[in-house]
């Protein structure tokens, strides 16, 4: 099928469907005339064989027409100038609007039954999901997209054995493994004394100006040296840093 870049994909596909329909109509007339001629000159076996070929061709053309129609009515993946709001975004626990309890409730009202009916049927899922999973936004996020991927594989118009296989072979094991890495030894009691603390703090966010200057003007060097305050603030993983006692001391 030829594609004109000046047309939207949907318009081009619909035009192709119309052209194909005209071709099929002409082909049908020609074949009907051919069958009439063969009935007078050819054997019954030849006529029967031709009829089967015509039926098969008709099925193929119908399938192709259906495919083109679905392409024409499906939103285009590339930028077509339409408002971005025309495309429904994928759901994300981390991007749910604040102060909207109804949105959060709607997600959990789907996720909780799905965990019971599907995800936790797998032994590896039961072994790695910590009892405090609701305290971990990263875990809820993983489970939400995994549920949506399961729905796409089984219950969407695009459902297919290929998507089902991908869910079993790659997606579910990947999520299960990552959840086990996020909170390998966590439990509900571990969250008791941290409820009023800010959950996420970006390290050195208040000290970003020197890094702006470094990366904009002199990025071939190793960057600004850490200040005593930055060293005292701690190391990755929450370990307290020991200030170096000599120049060039290593961590």
C-alpha atoms as a PDB file:
ATOM      1  CA  UNK A   1       0.000   0.000   0.000  1.00  0.00           C
ATOM      2  CA  UNK A   2       1.419   3.373  -0.998  1.00  0.00           C
ATOM      3  CA  UNK A   3       1.436   6.073   1.646  1.00  0.00           C
ATOM      4  CA  UNK A   4       1.184   9.794   1.018  1.00  0.00           C
ATOM      5  CA  UNK A   5       3.041  11.811   3.673  1.00  0.00           C
ATOM      6  CA  UNK A   6       0.681  14.749   3.084  1.00  0.00           C
ATOM      7  CA  UNK A   7      -2.244  12.710   4.359  1.00  0.00           C
ATOM      8  CA  UNK A   8      -3.035  11.432   7.829  1.00  0.00           C
ATOM      9  CA  UNK A   9      -2.450   7.666   8.144  1.00  0.00           C
ATOM     10  CA  UNK A  10      -6.168   7.145   8.757  1.00  0.00           C
ATOM     11  CA  UNK A  11      -7.160   9.041   5.612  1.00  0.00           C
ATOM     12  CA  UNK A  12      -4.578   7.215   3.526  1.00  0.00           C
ATOM     13  CA  UNK A  13      -5.743   3.837   4.818  1.00  0.00           C
ATOM     14  CA  UNK A  14      -9.390   4.598   4.135  1.00  0.00           C
ATOM     15  CA  UNK A  15      -8.490   5.627   0.587  1.00  0.00           C
ATOM     16  CA  UNK A  16      -6.625   2.342   0.180  1.00  0.00           C
ATOM     17  CA  UNK A  17      -9.680   0.434   1.431  1.00  0.00           C
ATOM     18  CA  UNK A  18     -11.896   2.218  -1.111  1.00  0.00           C
ATOM     19  CA  UNK A  19      -9.472   1.437  -3.922  1.00  0.00           C
ATOM     20  CA  UNK A  20      -9.250  -2.179  -2.869  1.00  0.00           C
ATOM     21  CA  UNK A  21     -13.047  -2.453  -2.806  1.00  0.00           C
ATOM     22  CA  UNK A  22     -13.244  -1.194  -6.381  1.00  0.00           C
ATOM     23  CA  UNK A  23     -10.589  -3.667  -7.481  1.00  0.00           C
ATOM     24  CA  UNK A  24     -12.397  -6.528  -5.756  1.00  0.00           C
ATOM     25  CA  UNK A  25     -15.679  -5.570  -7.444  1.00  0.00           C
ATOM     26  CA  UNK A  26     -14.037  -5.595 -10.872  1.00  0.00           C
ATOM     27  CA  UNK A  27     -12.275  -8.868 -10.103  1.00  0.00           C
ATOM     28  CA  UNK A  28     -15.564 -10.436  -9.022  1.00  0.00           C
ATOM     29  CA  UNK A  29     -17.196  -9.526 -12.328  1.00  0.00           C
ATOM     30  CA  UNK A  30     -14.259 -10.923 -14.311  1.00  0.00           C
ATOM     31  CA  UNK A  31     -14.229 -14.161 -12.303  1.00  0.00           C
ATOM     32  CA  UNK A  32     -17.989 -14.598 -12.741  1.00  0.00           C
ATOM     33  CA  UNK A  33     -17.572 -14.308 -16.486  1.00  0.00           C
ATOM     34  CA  UNK A  34     -14.654 -16.739 -16.384  1.00  0.00           C
ATOM     35  CA  UNK A  35     -16.659 -19.297 -14.412  1.00  0.00           C
ATOM     36  CA  UNK A  36     -19.483 -19.085 -16.954  1.00  0.00           C
ATOM     37  CA  UNK A  37     -17.027 -19.784 -19.775  1.00  0.00           C
ATOM     38  CA  UNK A  38     -15.331 -22.618 -17.929  1.00  0.00           C
ATOM     39  CA  UNK A  39     -18.618 -24.312 -17.175  1.00  0.00           C
ATOM     40  CA  UNK A  40     -19.064 -24.723 -20.904  1.00  0.00           C
ATOM     41  CA  UNK A  41     -15.516 -25.839 -21.790  1.00  0.00           C
ATOM     42  CA  UNK A  42     -13.804 -27.180 -18.634  1.00  0.00           C
ATOM     43  CA  UNK A  43     -14.339 -30.242 -16.497  1.00  0.00           C
ATOM     44  CA  UNK A  44     -16.241 -30.175 -13.208  1.00  0.00           C
ATOM     45  CA  UNK A  45     -12.967 -30.740 -11.347  1.00  0.00           C
ATOM     46  CA  UNK A  46     -11.400 -27.623 -12.868  1.00  0.00           C
ATOM     47  CA  UNK A  47     -14.476 -25.530 -12.061  1.00  0.00           C
ATOM     48  CA  UNK A  48     -14.511 -26.788  -8.449  1.00  0.00           C
ATOM     49  CA  UNK A  49     -10.798 -26.003  -8.075  1.00  0.00           C
ATOM     50  CA  UNK A  50     -11.325 -22.491  -9.399  1.00  0.00           C
ATOM     51  CA  UNK A  51     -14.224 -21.943  -6.994  1.00  0.00           C
ATOM     52  CA  UNK A  52     -12.043 -22.896  -4.038  1.00  0.00           C
ATOM     53  CA  UNK A  53      -9.329 -20.514  -5.214  1.00  0.00           C
ATOM     54  CA  UNK A  54     -11.867 -17.700  -5.549  1.00  0.00           C
ATOM     55  CA  UNK A  55     -13.262 -18.353  -2.057  1.00  0.00           C
ATOM     56  CA  UNK A  56      -9.752 -18.308  -0.589  1.00  0.00           C
ATOM     57  CA  UNK A  57      -8.971 -15.064  -2.400  1.00  0.00           C
ATOM     58  CA  UNK A  58     -12.172 -13.532  -1.071  1.00  0.00           C
ATOM     59  CA  UNK A  59     -11.254 -14.446   2.512  1.00  0.00           C
ATOM     60  CA  UNK A  60      -7.776 -12.935   2.076  1.00  0.00           C
ATOM     61  CA  UNK A  61      -9.189  -9.714   0.650  1.00  0.00           C
ATOM     62  CA  UNK A  62     -11.731  -9.466   3.478  1.00  0.00           C
ATOM     63  CA  UNK A  63      -8.994  -9.880   6.074  1.00  0.00           C
ATOM     64  CA  UNK A  64      -6.910  -7.217   4.370  1.00  0.00           C
ATOM     65  CA  UNK A  65      -9.849  -4.832   4.276  1.00  0.00           C
ATOM     66  CA  UNK A  66     -10.460  -5.399   7.982  1.00  0.00           C
ATOM     67  CA  UNK A  67      -6.800  -4.704   8.746  1.00  0.00           C
ATOM     68  CA  UNK A  68      -6.813  -1.465   6.762  1.00  0.00           C
ATOM     69  CA  UNK A  69     -10.012  -0.342   8.437  1.00  0.00           C
ATOM     70  CA  UNK A  70      -8.529  -0.900  11.888  1.00  0.00           C
ATOM     71  CA  UNK A  71      -5.405   1.020  10.888  1.00  0.00           C
ATOM     72  CA  UNK A  72      -7.542   3.864   9.611  1.00  0.00           C
ATOM     73  CA  UNK A  73      -9.571   4.153  12.812  1.00  0.00           C
ATOM     74  CA  UNK A  74      -6.690   3.626  15.248  1.00  0.00           C
ATOM     75  CA  UNK A  75      -5.009   6.797  16.611  1.00  0.00           C
ATOM     76  CA  UNK A  76      -1.698   7.432  14.874  1.00  0.00           C
ATOM     77  CA  UNK A  77       1.455   6.895  16.905  1.00  0.00           C
ATOM     78  CA  UNK A  78       3.331   9.734  15.252  1.00  0.00           C
ATOM     79  CA  UNK A  79       2.651  13.445  15.658  1.00  0.00           C
ATOM     80  CA  UNK A  80      -0.331  14.378  13.490  1.00  0.00           C
ATOM     81  CA  UNK A  81      -0.959  17.832  14.894  1.00  0.00           C
ATOM     82  CA  UNK A  82      -3.806  16.721  17.157  1.00  0.00           C
ATOM     83  CA  UNK A  83      -4.044  17.775  20.757  1.00  0.00           C
ATOM     84  CA  UNK A  84      -1.977  15.520  23.023  1.00  0.00           C
ATOM     85  CA  UNK A  85      -5.065  15.151  25.207  1.00  0.00           C
ATOM     86  CA  UNK A  86      -6.608  12.988  22.464  1.00  0.00           C
ATOM     87  CA  UNK A  87      -4.281  10.149  23.501  1.00  0.00           C
ATOM     88  CA  UNK A  88      -5.042   8.570  26.853  1.00  0.00           C
ATOM     89  CA  UNK A  89      -1.838   8.299  28.928  1.00  0.00           C
ATOM     90  CA  UNK A  90      -0.803   5.108  30.647  1.00  0.00           C
ATOM     91  CA  UNK A  91      -1.750   4.927  34.311  1.00  0.00           C
ATOM     92  CA  UNK A  92       0.918   5.596  36.904  1.00  0.00           C
ATOM     93  CA  UNK A  93       0.676   5.398  40.693  1.00  0.00           C
ATOM     94  CA  UNK A  94       3.459   7.966  40.959  1.00  0.00           C
ATOM     95  CA  UNK A  95       1.584  10.443  38.751  1.00  0.00           C
ATOM     96  CA  UNK A  96      -1.856  10.247  40.346  1.00  0.00           C
ATOM     97  CA  UNK A  97      -3.097  13.742  41.229  1.00  0.00           C
ATOM     98  CA  UNK A  98      -2.660  14.819  44.833  1.00  0.00           C
ATOM     99  CA  UNK A  99      -5.729  15.496  46.948  1.00  0.00           C
ATOM    100  CA  UNK A 100      -7.770  13.167  44.747  1.00  0.00           C
ATOM    101  CA  UNK A 101      -8.739  10.244  46.929  1.00  0.00           C
ATOM    102  CA  UNK A 102     -11.246   9.020  44.350  1.00  0.00           C
ATOM    103  CA  UNK A 103      -8.450   8.481  41.798  1.00  0.00           C
ATOM    104  CA  UNK A 104      -6.348   6.543  44.302  1.00  0.00           C
ATOM    105  CA  UNK A 105      -9.357   4.504  45.415  1.00  0.00           C
ATOM    106  CA  UNK A 106     -10.213   3.668  41.798  1.00  0.00           C
ATOM    107  CA  UNK A 107      -6.736   2.229  41.208  1.00  0.00           C
ATOM    108  CA  UNK A 108      -6.650   0.180  44.407  1.00  0.00           C
ATOM    109  CA  UNK A 109     -10.174  -1.115  43.827  1.00  0.00           C
ATOM    110  CA  UNK A 110      -8.807  -2.787  40.684  1.00  0.00           C
ATOM    111  CA  UNK A 111      -5.349  -3.675  41.922  1.00  0.00           C
ATOM    112  CA  UNK A 112      -6.264  -5.414  45.175  1.00  0.00           C
ATOM    113  CA  UNK A 113      -8.652  -7.995  43.628  1.00  0.00           C
ATOM    114  CA  UNK A 114      -6.196  -8.598  40.773  1.00  0.00           C
ATOM    115  CA  UNK A 115      -3.381  -9.316  43.228  1.00  0.00           C
ATOM    116  CA  UNK A 116      -5.543 -11.936  44.913  1.00  0.00           C
ATOM    117  CA  UNK A 117      -6.970 -13.516  41.786  1.00  0.00           C
ATOM    118  CA  UNK A 118      -3.871 -13.462  39.569  1.00  0.00           C
ATOM    119  CA  UNK A 119      -0.520 -12.142  40.765  1.00  0.00           C
ATOM    120  CA  UNK A 120      -0.310 -13.926  44.118  1.00  0.00           C
ATOM    121  CA  UNK A 121      -1.210 -17.226  42.495  1.00  0.00           C
ATOM    122  CA  UNK A 122       2.505 -17.452  41.654  1.00  0.00           C
ATOM    123  CA  UNK A 123       4.769 -18.716  44.424  1.00  0.00           C
ATOM    124  CA  UNK A 124       7.598 -16.334  43.544  1.00  0.00           C
ATOM    125  CA  UNK A 125       5.192 -13.412  43.825  1.00  0.00           C
ATOM    126  CA  UNK A 126       4.079 -14.474  47.309  1.00  0.00           C
ATOM    127  CA  UNK A 127       7.684 -14.940  48.380  1.00  0.00           C
ATOM    128  CA  UNK A 128       8.890 -11.496  47.274  1.00  0.00           C
ATOM    129  CA  UNK A 129       5.920  -9.197  48.000  1.00  0.00           C
ATOM    130  CA  UNK A 130       6.602  -7.621  51.415  1.00  0.00           C
ATOM    131  CA  UNK A 131       3.656  -7.186  53.807  1.00  0.00           C
ATOM    132  CA  UNK A 132       4.390  -3.453  53.827  1.00  0.00           C
ATOM    133  CA  UNK A 133       4.069  -3.112  50.039  1.00  0.00           C
ATOM    134  CA  UNK A 134       1.514  -0.300  50.286  1.00  0.00           C
ATOM    135  CA  UNK A 135       4.160   1.853  51.973  1.00  0.00           C
ATOM    136  CA  UNK A 136       6.400   1.479  48.899  1.00  0.00           C
ATOM    137  CA  UNK A 137       5.201   3.617  45.955  1.00  0.00           C
ATOM    138  CA  UNK A 138       7.756   1.984  43.674  1.00  0.00           C
ATOM    139  CA  UNK A 139       6.224  -1.438  44.358  1.00  0.00           C
ATOM    140  CA  UNK A 140       2.666  -0.227  43.772  1.00  0.00           C
ATOM    141  CA  UNK A 141       3.831   1.350  40.514  1.00  0.00           C
ATOM    142  CA  UNK A 142       5.335  -1.936  39.339  1.00  0.00           C
ATOM    143  CA  UNK A 143       2.211  -3.889  40.223  1.00  0.00           C
ATOM    144  CA  UNK A 144      -0.086  -1.374  38.531  1.00  0.00           C
ATOM    145  CA  UNK A 145       1.664  -1.481  35.169  1.00  0.00           C
ATOM    146  CA  UNK A 146       1.976  -5.256  35.399  1.00  0.00           C
ATOM    147  CA  UNK A 147      -1.792  -5.499  35.921  1.00  0.00           C
ATOM    148  CA  UNK A 148      -2.428  -3.209  32.957  1.00  0.00           C
ATOM    149  CA  UNK A 149      -0.044  -5.288  30.827  1.00  0.00           C
ATOM    150  CA  UNK A 150      -1.963  -8.423  31.864  1.00  0.00           C
ATOM    151  CA  UNK A 151      -5.236  -6.760  30.864  1.00  0.00           C
ATOM    152  CA  UNK A 152      -3.798  -5.782  27.480  1.00  0.00           C
ATOM    153  CA  UNK A 153      -2.568  -9.323  26.906  1.00  0.00           C
ATOM    154  CA  UNK A 154      -5.819 -11.066  27.851  1.00  0.00           C
ATOM    155  CA  UNK A 155      -8.772  -8.693  27.614  1.00  0.00           C
ATOM    156  CA  UNK A 156      -8.027  -5.886  25.144  1.00  0.00           C
ATOM    157  CA  UNK A 157      -8.779  -5.686  21.402  1.00  0.00           C
ATOM    158  CA  UNK A 158      -5.041  -6.291  20.845  1.00  0.00           C
ATOM    159  CA  UNK A 159      -4.993  -9.416  23.060  1.00  0.00           C
ATOM    160  CA  UNK A 160      -2.861 -12.222  21.650  1.00  0.00           C
ATOM    161  CA  UNK A 161      -0.906 -15.323  22.591  1.00  0.00           C
ATOM    162  CA  UNK A 162       2.274 -13.380  21.907  1.00  0.00           C
ATOM    163  CA  UNK A 163       1.393 -10.751  24.507  1.00  0.00           C
ATOM    164  CA  UNK A 164       0.359 -13.458  26.969  1.00  0.00           C
ATOM    165  CA  UNK A 165       3.665 -15.249  26.455  1.00  0.00           C
ATOM    166  CA  UNK A 166       5.593 -12.015  26.933  1.00  0.00           C
ATOM    167  CA  UNK A 167       3.737 -11.349  30.170  1.00  0.00           C
ATOM    168  CA  UNK A 168       4.597 -14.787  31.548  1.00  0.00           C
ATOM    169  CA  UNK A 169       8.117 -15.034  30.192  1.00  0.00           C
ATOM    170  CA  UNK A 170       9.434 -11.506  30.724  1.00  0.00           C
ATOM    171  CA  UNK A 171       7.132  -9.000  32.416  1.00  0.00           C
ATOM    172  CA  UNK A 172       5.920 -10.883  35.483  1.00  0.00           C
ATOM    173  CA  UNK A 173       9.333 -12.401  36.361  1.00  0.00           C
ATOM    174  CA  UNK A 174      10.955  -8.983  35.917  1.00  0.00           C
ATOM    175  CA  UNK A 175       8.521  -7.261  38.262  1.00  0.00           C
ATOM    176  CA  UNK A 176       8.779 -10.071  40.819  1.00  0.00           C
ATOM    177  CA  UNK A 177      12.575  -9.835  40.802  1.00  0.00           C
ATOM    178  CA  UNK A 178      12.632  -6.051  41.161  1.00  0.00           C
ATOM    179  CA  UNK A 179      10.105  -6.069  44.003  1.00  0.00           C
ATOM    180  CA  UNK A 180      12.359  -8.498  45.832  1.00  0.00           C
ATOM    181  CA  UNK A 181      15.231  -6.052  45.362  1.00  0.00           C
ATOM    182  CA  UNK A 182      13.293  -2.971  46.502  1.00  0.00           C
ATOM    183  CA  UNK A 183      12.474  -4.199  49.998  1.00  0.00           C
ATOM    184  CA  UNK A 184      14.237  -7.500  50.701  1.00  0.00           C
ATOM    185  CA  UNK A 185      13.966  -7.354  54.485  1.00  0.00           C
ATOM    186  CA  UNK A 186      11.249  -4.786  55.095  1.00  0.00           C
ATOM    187  CA  UNK A 187       8.128  -5.238  57.208  1.00  0.00           C
ATOM    188  CA  UNK A 188       5.313  -3.153  58.599  1.00  0.00           C
ATOM    189  CA  UNK A 189       7.114  -2.268  61.845  1.00  0.00           C
ATOM    190  CA  UNK A 190       9.958  -0.676  59.896  1.00  0.00           C
ATOM    191  CA  UNK A 191       7.580   2.118  58.871  1.00  0.00           C
ATOM    192  CA  UNK A 192       6.265   2.902  62.333  1.00  0.00           C
ATOM    193  CA  UNK A 193       8.623   5.766  63.214  1.00  0.00           C
ATOM    194  CA  UNK A 194       9.050   7.350  59.782  1.00  0.00           C
ATOM    195  CA  UNK A 195       5.519   8.399  58.897  1.00  0.00           C
ATOM    196  CA  UNK A 196       6.129  12.143  59.361  1.00  0.00           C
ATOM    197  CA  UNK A 197       9.454  12.239  57.525  1.00  0.00           C
ATOM    198  CA  UNK A 198       9.768  13.326  53.930  1.00  0.00           C
ATOM    199  CA  UNK A 199       9.974  10.183  51.826  1.00  0.00           C
ATOM    200  CA  UNK A 200      12.188  11.454  49.019  1.00  0.00           C
ATOM    201  CA  UNK A 201      15.039  13.935  49.312  1.00  0.00           C
ATOM    202  CA  UNK A 202      17.273  14.680  46.343  1.00  0.00           C
ATOM    203  CA  UNK A 203      20.899  14.687  47.537  1.00  0.00           C
ATOM    204  CA  UNK A 204      22.706  18.024  47.069  1.00  0.00           C
ATOM    205  CA  UNK A 205      19.655  19.674  45.488  1.00  0.00           C
ATOM    206  CA  UNK A 206      20.433  22.906  47.359  1.00  0.00           C
ATOM    207  CA  UNK A 207      24.034  22.824  46.136  1.00  0.00           C
ATOM    208  CA  UNK A 208      23.358  22.510  42.413  1.00  0.00           C
ATOM    209  CA  UNK A 209      24.685  25.927  41.273  1.00  0.00           C
ATOM    210  CA  UNK A 210      28.399  24.926  41.142  1.00  0.00           C
ATOM    211  CA  UNK A 211      27.450  21.875  39.099  1.00  0.00           C
ATOM    212  CA  UNK A 212      25.558  24.069  36.629  1.00  0.00           C
ATOM    213  CA  UNK A 213      28.696  26.149  36.107  1.00  0.00           C
ATOM    214  CA  UNK A 214      30.928  23.076  35.859  1.00  0.00           C
ATOM    215  CA  UNK A 215      28.824  21.202  33.309  1.00  0.00           C
ATOM    216  CA  UNK A 216      28.131  24.304  31.236  1.00  0.00           C
ATOM    217  CA  UNK A 217      31.694  25.622  31.100  1.00  0.00           C
ATOM    218  CA  UNK A 218      34.283  23.022  32.119  1.00  0.00           C
ATOM    219  CA  UNK A 219      32.818  19.509  31.929  1.00  0.00           C
ATOM    220  CA  UNK A 220      36.119  17.898  30.843  1.00  0.00           C
ATOM    221  CA  UNK A 221      37.355  18.209  34.431  1.00  0.00           C
ATOM    222  CA  UNK A 222      36.176  16.135  37.415  1.00  0.00           C
ATOM    223  CA  UNK A 223      33.843  18.814  38.750  1.00  0.00           C
ATOM    224  CA  UNK A 224      33.741  20.847  41.952  1.00  0.00           C
ATOM    225  CA  UNK A 225      35.356  19.384  45.039  1.00  0.00           C
ATOM    226  CA  UNK A 226      32.915  18.337  47.783  1.00  0.00           C
ATOM    227  CA  UNK A 227      32.652  20.772  50.678  1.00  0.00           C
ATOM    228  CA  UNK A 228      33.074  19.677  54.307  1.00  0.00           C
ATOM    229  CA  UNK A 229      29.337  20.135  54.784  1.00  0.00           C
ATOM    230  CA  UNK A 230      28.571  17.850  51.856  1.00  0.00           C
ATOM    231  CA  UNK A 231      30.948  15.203  53.162  1.00  0.00           C
ATOM    232  CA  UNK A 232      29.387  15.422  56.615  1.00  0.00           C
ATOM    233  CA  UNK A 233      25.887  15.040  55.194  1.00  0.00           C
ATOM    234  CA  UNK A 234      26.527  11.385  54.502  1.00  0.00           C
ATOM    235  CA  UNK A 235      27.281   8.822  51.872  1.00  0.00           C
ATOM    236  CA  UNK A 236      25.180   6.711  49.572  1.00  0.00           C
ATOM    237  CA  UNK A 237      23.078   4.243  51.491  1.00  0.00           C
ATOM    238  CA  UNK A 238      22.880   6.402  54.602  1.00  0.00           C
ATOM    239  CA  UNK A 239      26.397   5.677  55.898  1.00  0.00           C
ATOM    240  CA  UNK A 240      28.021   8.581  57.709  1.00  0.00           C
ATOM    241  CA  UNK A 241      31.046   9.910  55.889  1.00  0.00           C
ATOM    242  CA  UNK A 242      34.345  10.405  57.672  1.00  0.00           C
ATOM    243  CA  UNK A 243      35.987  13.687  56.561  1.00  0.00           C
ATOM    244  CA  UNK A 244      39.393  13.044  54.974  1.00  0.00           C
ATOM    245  CA  UNK A 245      42.346  13.902  57.176  1.00  0.00           C
ATOM    246  CA  UNK A 246      44.811  14.297  54.339  1.00  0.00           C
ATOM    247  CA  UNK A 247      44.606  15.788  50.865  1.00  0.00           C
ATOM    248  CA  UNK A 248      43.500  13.308  48.271  1.00  0.00           C
ATOM    249  CA  UNK A 249      42.194  10.797  50.847  1.00  0.00           C
ATOM    250  CA  UNK A 250      39.928   8.166  49.345  1.00  0.00           C
ATOM    251  CA  UNK A 251      36.559   7.048  50.664  1.00  0.00           C
END
